[in-house]
Amino acid sequence: MPKEGEDVTIDSILKVILDVDTPVLGRLDINGKLYFSDESDIHLQANKIYVRAGELHIGNETHPY
C-alpha cells in the first residue's frame, strides 16, 4: 500500500482491482487497467491522475458511478 503523497504507476501489464481506500497520492499514472471493486464504496484520492495508455473502470451499466 502506498504512503500519503507517494507517486504510483500502474504498468501496462497490470490489472489492479482497488478494494480499499487510498491515502492521498501525489500522482497516479494508469498505463494498465484499474478497476474499482463493486463490493463497497471506495475512495481514490490523488493530486493528479493520468490515464495514459490504460483504462479506469468505475461502476457498470446497472450501477454507474
C-alpha atoms as a PDB file:
ATOM      1  CA  MET A   1       0.000   0.000   0.000  1.00  0.00           C
ATOM      2  CA  PRO A   2       1.476   3.370  -0.963  1.00  0.00           C
ATOM      3  CA  LYS A   3       2.030   6.048   1.629  1.00  0.00           C
ATOM      4  CA  GLU A   4       0.474   9.520   1.587  1.00  0.00           C
ATOM      5  CA  GLY A   5       1.987  11.767  -1.092  1.00  0.00           C
ATOM      6  CA  GLU A   6       3.694   8.941  -2.995  1.00  0.00           C
ATOM      7  CA  ASP A   7       3.509   8.686  -6.771  1.00  0.00           C
ATOM      8  CA  VAL A   8       2.062   5.439  -8.128  1.00  0.00           C
ATOM      9  CA  THR A   9       2.296   3.923 -11.609  1.00  0.00           C
ATOM     10  CA  ILE A  10       0.152   1.026 -12.809  1.00  0.00           C
ATOM     11  CA  ASP A  11       2.264  -0.607 -15.509  1.00  0.00           C
ATOM     12  CA  SER A  12       0.788  -1.680 -18.833  1.00  0.00           C
ATOM     13  CA  ILE A  13       0.935  -5.377 -17.957  1.00  0.00           C
ATOM     14  CA  LEU A  14      -1.058  -4.960 -14.732  1.00  0.00           C
ATOM     15  CA  LYS A  15      -4.754  -5.316 -13.947  1.00  0.00           C
ATOM     16  CA  VAL A  16      -5.423  -3.804 -10.498  1.00  0.00           C
ATOM     17  CA  ILE A  17      -8.671  -4.090  -8.526  1.00  0.00           C
ATOM     18  CA  LEU A  18      -8.945  -1.309  -5.953  1.00  0.00           C
ATOM     19  CA  ASP A  19     -10.807  -2.630  -2.917  1.00  0.00           C
ATOM     20  CA  VAL A  20      -9.550  -0.313  -0.151  1.00  0.00           C
ATOM     21  CA  ASP A  21      -9.461   3.456   0.307  1.00  0.00           C
ATOM     22  CA  THR A  22      -6.145   5.057  -0.582  1.00  0.00           C
ATOM     23  CA  PRO A  23      -4.218   7.774   1.179  1.00  0.00           C
ATOM     24  CA  VAL A  24      -3.930  10.989  -0.829  1.00  0.00           C
ATOM     25  CA  LEU A  25      -1.471  10.056  -3.580  1.00  0.00           C
ATOM     26  CA  GLY A  26       0.813  12.565  -5.235  1.00  0.00           C
ATOM     27  CA  ARG A  27       0.333  11.358  -8.791  1.00  0.00           C
ATOM     28  CA  LEU A  28      -1.308   8.275 -10.271  1.00  0.00           C
ATOM     29  CA  ASP A  29      -0.275   7.159 -13.759  1.00  0.00           C
ATOM     30  CA  ILE A  30      -2.523   4.473 -15.244  1.00  0.00           C
ATOM     31  CA  ASN A  31      -0.903   2.588 -18.110  1.00  0.00           C
ATOM     32  CA  GLY A  32      -2.562  -0.735 -17.304  1.00  0.00           C
ATOM     33  CA  LYS A  33      -6.117  -1.339 -16.067  1.00  0.00           C
ATOM     34  CA  LEU A  34      -7.577  -0.043 -12.802  1.00  0.00           C
ATOM     35  CA  TYR A  35     -10.956  -1.360 -11.652  1.00  0.00           C
ATOM     36  CA  PHE A  36     -12.920  -0.233  -8.599  1.00  0.00           C
ATOM     37  CA  SER A  37     -14.395  -3.084  -6.570  1.00  0.00           C
ATOM     38  CA  ASP A  38     -18.206  -3.268  -6.591  1.00  0.00           C
ATOM     39  CA  GLU A  39     -18.229  -4.736  -3.066  1.00  0.00           C
ATOM     40  CA  SER A  40     -18.121  -1.398  -1.188  1.00  0.00           C
ATOM     41  CA  ASP A  41     -17.677   2.352  -1.566  1.00  0.00           C
ATOM     42  CA  ILE A  42     -14.054   3.009  -2.419  1.00  0.00           C
ATOM     43  CA  HIS A  43     -12.334   6.387  -2.374  1.00  0.00           C
ATOM     44  CA  LEU A  44      -9.318   7.112  -4.533  1.00  0.00           C
ATOM     45  CA  GLN A  45      -7.567  10.365  -3.723  1.00  0.00           C
ATOM     46  CA  ALA A  46      -4.694  11.842  -5.716  1.00  0.00           C
ATOM     47  CA  ASN A  47      -3.406  15.282  -6.595  1.00  0.00           C
ATOM     48  CA  LYS A  48      -3.127  14.237 -10.256  1.00  0.00           C
ATOM     49  CA  ILE A  49      -4.493  11.234 -12.144  1.00  0.00           C
ATOM     50  CA  TYR A  50      -3.271  10.469 -15.661  1.00  0.00           C
ATOM     51  CA  VAL A  51      -4.892   7.752 -17.748  1.00  0.00           C
ATOM     52  CA  ARG A  52      -2.244   7.406 -20.407  1.00  0.00           C
ATOM     53  CA  ALA A  53      -2.295   4.131 -22.312  1.00  0.00           C
ATOM     54  CA  GLY A  54      -4.530   2.396 -19.795  1.00  0.00           C
ATOM     55  CA  GLU A  55      -8.117   2.145 -18.594  1.00  0.00           C
ATOM     56  CA  LEU A  56     -10.006   3.316 -15.499  1.00  0.00           C
ATOM     57  CA  HIS A  57     -13.236   1.420 -14.741  1.00  0.00           C
ATOM     58  CA  ILE A  58     -15.712   2.647 -12.123  1.00  0.00           C
ATOM     59  CA  GLY A  59     -19.198   1.150 -11.822  1.00  0.00           C
ATOM     60  CA  ASN A  60     -21.089  -0.706 -14.526  1.00  0.00           C
ATOM     61  CA  GLU A  61     -24.209  -0.289 -16.654  1.00  0.00           C
ATOM     62  CA  THR A  62     -26.632  -1.098 -13.833  1.00  0.00           C
ATOM     63  CA  HIS A  63     -24.654   0.699 -11.128  1.00  0.00           C
ATOM     64  CA  PRO A  64     -22.836   3.633 -12.738  1.00  0.00           C
ATOM     65  CA  TYR A  65     -20.545   5.846 -10.722  1.00  0.00           C
END
